Amino acid sequence: MTGKNKSLPEMGGATAKAGQHTKHVPTRMCVVCREKAGKRTLTRIVATPEGVMIDLTGKRNGRGAYLCEQKSCWERAVNTDLLAKALKTSLSAADRDRLQQQQPS
């Protein structure tokens, strides 16, 4: 077969009914627990020139990392260097305080 790779069942592709397309859902991984989830269910943390902050839109410029809603993941991300390594930056005390105050309940 030449050209683009078609999703055919015999080629290991998706087996949606004829004429129906399954919508692609982007997945991301929590940097602490490594669980994969839909992009919209995770919280994006972004490193910008102004500092590290939560990106509610998911479109801010800068290096991003994702955290799930588990309190334990947020605590580990703020209190260890896991988030700093994922963002390839260092977290200041102000960054840590800001993230701790904005973490989901």
C-alpha atoms as a PDB file:
ATOM      1  CA  MET A   1       0.000   0.000   0.000  1.00  0.00           C
ATOM      2  CA  THR A   2       1.443   3.364  -0.925  1.00  0.00           C
ATOM      3  CA  GLY A   3       0.680   6.793   0.467  1.00  0.00           C
ATOM      4  CA  LYS A   4      -0.620   7.464   3.962  1.00  0.00           C
ATOM      5  CA  ASN A   5      -1.039   4.638   6.421  1.00  0.00           C
ATOM      6  CA  LYS A   6      -4.775   3.976   6.689  1.00  0.00           C
ATOM      7  CA  SER A   7      -6.288   2.639   9.913  1.00  0.00           C
ATOM      8  CA  LEU A   8      -7.396  -0.760   8.769  1.00  0.00           C
ATOM      9  CA  PRO A   9      -8.264  -3.552  11.195  1.00  0.00           C
ATOM     10  CA  GLU A  10      -5.870  -5.982   9.497  1.00  0.00           C
ATOM     11  CA  MET A  11      -3.066  -3.463  10.050  1.00  0.00           C
ATOM     12  CA  GLY A  12      -3.759  -3.107  13.783  1.00  0.00           C
ATOM     13  CA  GLY A  13      -5.653   0.199  13.443  1.00  0.00           C
ATOM     14  CA  ALA A  14      -8.808   1.384  15.161  1.00  0.00           C
ATOM     15  CA  THR A  15     -11.923  -0.664  14.459  1.00  0.00           C
ATOM     16  CA  ALA A  16     -14.569   2.079  14.391  1.00  0.00           C
ATOM     17  CA  LYS A  17     -17.762   1.438  12.464  1.00  0.00           C
ATOM     18  CA  ALA A  18     -17.717   2.401   8.817  1.00  0.00           C
ATOM     19  CA  GLY A  19     -18.197   6.135   8.394  1.00  0.00           C
ATOM     20  CA  GLN A  20     -17.496   6.920  12.073  1.00  0.00           C
ATOM     21  CA  HIS A  21     -14.275   8.407  13.315  1.00  0.00           C
ATOM     22  CA  THR A  22     -13.152   8.247  16.915  1.00  0.00           C
ATOM     23  CA  LYS A  23     -12.132  11.622  18.302  1.00  0.00           C
ATOM     24  CA  HIS A  24      -8.502  11.837  19.358  1.00  0.00           C
ATOM     25  CA  VAL A  25      -8.101  12.665  23.055  1.00  0.00           C
ATOM     26  CA  PRO A  26      -4.618  13.985  23.903  1.00  0.00           C
ATOM     27  CA  THR A  27      -3.088  12.249  26.911  1.00  0.00           C
ATOM     28  CA  ARG A  28      -0.437  13.539  29.291  1.00  0.00           C
ATOM     29  CA  MET A  29       1.394  12.041  32.255  1.00  0.00           C
ATOM     30  CA  CYS A  30       1.604  13.272  35.844  1.00  0.00           C
ATOM     31  CA  VAL A  31       5.275  13.992  36.599  1.00  0.00           C
ATOM     32  CA  VAL A  32       4.960  12.512  40.107  1.00  0.00           C
ATOM     33  CA  CYS A  33       2.836   9.340  39.938  1.00  0.00           C
ATOM     34  CA  ARG A  34       3.391   8.780  36.180  1.00  0.00           C
ATOM     35  CA  GLU A  35      -0.317   8.045  35.620  1.00  0.00           C
ATOM     36  CA  LYS A  36      -1.588   8.871  32.142  1.00  0.00           C
ATOM     37  CA  ALA A  37      -4.820  10.809  31.796  1.00  0.00           C
ATOM     38  CA  GLY A  38      -6.582  13.132  29.406  1.00  0.00           C
ATOM     39  CA  LYS A  39      -4.911  16.496  28.963  1.00  0.00           C
ATOM     40  CA  ARG A  40      -7.988  18.346  30.265  1.00  0.00           C
ATOM     41  CA  THR A  41      -8.110  16.336  33.509  1.00  0.00           C
ATOM     42  CA  LEU A  42      -4.547  17.220  34.527  1.00  0.00           C
ATOM     43  CA  THR A  43      -3.258  20.598  35.712  1.00  0.00           C
ATOM     44  CA  ARG A  44      -0.473  22.174  33.665  1.00  0.00           C
ATOM     45  CA  ILE A  45       2.360  23.907  35.493  1.00  0.00           C
ATOM     46  CA  VAL A  46       4.468  26.171  33.286  1.00  0.00           C
ATOM     47  CA  ALA A  47       7.889  27.770  33.720  1.00  0.00           C
ATOM     48  CA  THR A  48       7.848  31.314  32.345  1.00  0.00           C
ATOM     49  CA  PRO A  49      10.315  34.190  32.667  1.00  0.00           C
ATOM     50  CA  GLU A  50       8.014  35.562  35.420  1.00  0.00           C
ATOM     51  CA  GLY A  51       8.286  32.315  37.414  1.00  0.00           C
ATOM     52  CA  VAL A  52       6.543  28.979  37.749  1.00  0.00           C
ATOM     53  CA  MET A  53       2.748  29.159  37.687  1.00  0.00           C
ATOM     54  CA  ILE A  54      -0.408  27.201  36.984  1.00  0.00           C
ATOM     55  CA  ASP A  55      -1.590  27.418  33.389  1.00  0.00           C
ATOM     56  CA  LEU A  56      -5.387  27.176  33.396  1.00  0.00           C
ATOM     57  CA  THR A  57      -5.681  27.688  29.635  1.00  0.00           C
ATOM     58  CA  GLY A  58      -3.048  25.123  28.657  1.00  0.00           C
ATOM     59  CA  LYS A  59      -1.694  27.545  26.072  1.00  0.00           C
ATOM     60  CA  ARG A  60       0.867  29.687  27.926  1.00  0.00           C
ATOM     61  CA  ASN A  61       4.325  29.912  26.446  1.00  0.00           C
ATOM     62  CA  GLY A  62       7.033  28.090  28.325  1.00  0.00           C
ATOM     63  CA  ARG A  63       8.029  24.585  29.355  1.00  0.00           C
ATOM     64  CA  GLY A  64       5.114  22.747  30.903  1.00  0.00           C
ATOM     65  CA  ALA A  65       4.620  19.775  33.196  1.00  0.00           C
ATOM     66  CA  TYR A  66       1.403  18.103  34.303  1.00  0.00           C
ATOM     67  CA  LEU A  67       0.110  17.111  37.743  1.00  0.00           C
ATOM     68  CA  CYS A  68      -2.937  15.016  38.573  1.00  0.00           C
ATOM     69  CA  GLU A  69      -5.465  16.067  41.223  1.00  0.00           C
ATOM     70  CA  GLN A  70      -4.080  13.847  44.009  1.00  0.00           C
ATOM     71  CA  LYS A  71      -2.981  15.833  47.037  1.00  0.00           C
ATOM     72  CA  SER A  72       0.027  13.552  47.536  1.00  0.00           C
ATOM     73  CA  CYS A  73       1.294  14.329  44.022  1.00  0.00           C
ATOM     74  CA  TRP A  74       1.038  18.084  44.621  1.00  0.00           C
ATOM     75  CA  GLU A  75       2.859  17.793  47.954  1.00  0.00           C
ATOM     76  CA  ARG A  76       5.690  15.759  46.421  1.00  0.00           C
ATOM     77  CA  ALA A  77       5.934  18.106  43.438  1.00  0.00           C
ATOM     78  CA  VAL A  78       6.225  21.189  45.645  1.00  0.00           C
ATOM     79  CA  ASN A  79       8.441  19.694  48.378  1.00  0.00           C
ATOM     80  CA  THR A  80      10.900  17.746  46.203  1.00  0.00           C
ATOM     81  CA  ASP A  81      12.817  18.523  43.028  1.00  0.00           C
ATOM     82  CA  LEU A  82      10.589  16.395  40.726  1.00  0.00           C
ATOM     83  CA  LEU A  83       8.735  19.385  39.307  1.00  0.00           C
ATOM     84  CA  ALA A  84      11.931  21.443  38.987  1.00  0.00           C
ATOM     85  CA  LYS A  85      13.552  18.636  36.975  1.00  0.00           C
ATOM     86  CA  ALA A  86      10.521  18.260  34.714  1.00  0.00           C
ATOM     87  CA  LEU A  87      10.483  22.016  34.045  1.00  0.00           C
ATOM     88  CA  LYS A  88      14.286  22.151  33.722  1.00  0.00           C
ATOM     89  CA  THR A  89      14.438  25.092  36.122  1.00  0.00           C
ATOM     90  CA  SER A  90      14.748  25.732  39.829  1.00  0.00           C
ATOM     91  CA  LEU A  91      11.742  26.544  41.995  1.00  0.00           C
ATOM     92  CA  SER A  92      12.081  29.587  44.219  1.00  0.00           C
ATOM     93  CA  ALA A  93      10.442  29.776  47.633  1.00  0.00           C
ATOM     94  CA  ALA A  94       7.859  32.151  46.130  1.00  0.00           C
ATOM     95  CA  ASP A  95       7.105  29.628  43.353  1.00  0.00           C
ATOM     96  CA  ARG A  96       6.637  26.841  45.918  1.00  0.00           C
ATOM     97  CA  ASP A  97       4.354  29.022  48.063  1.00  0.00           C
ATOM     98  CA  ARG A  98       2.264  30.049  45.042  1.00  0.00           C
ATOM     99  CA  LEU A  99       1.814  26.437  43.925  1.00  0.00           C
ATOM    100  CA  GLN A 100       0.969  25.270  47.428  1.00  0.00           C
ATOM    101  CA  GLN A 101      -1.744  27.930  47.774  1.00  0.00           C
ATOM    102  CA  GLN A 102      -3.249  27.114  44.363  1.00  0.00           C
ATOM    103  CA  GLN A 103      -3.221  23.326  44.656  1.00  0.00           C
ATOM    104  CA  PRO A 104      -6.620  21.646  44.257  1.00  0.00           C
ATOM    105  CA  SER A 105      -8.422  20.602  47.435  1.00  0.00           C
END
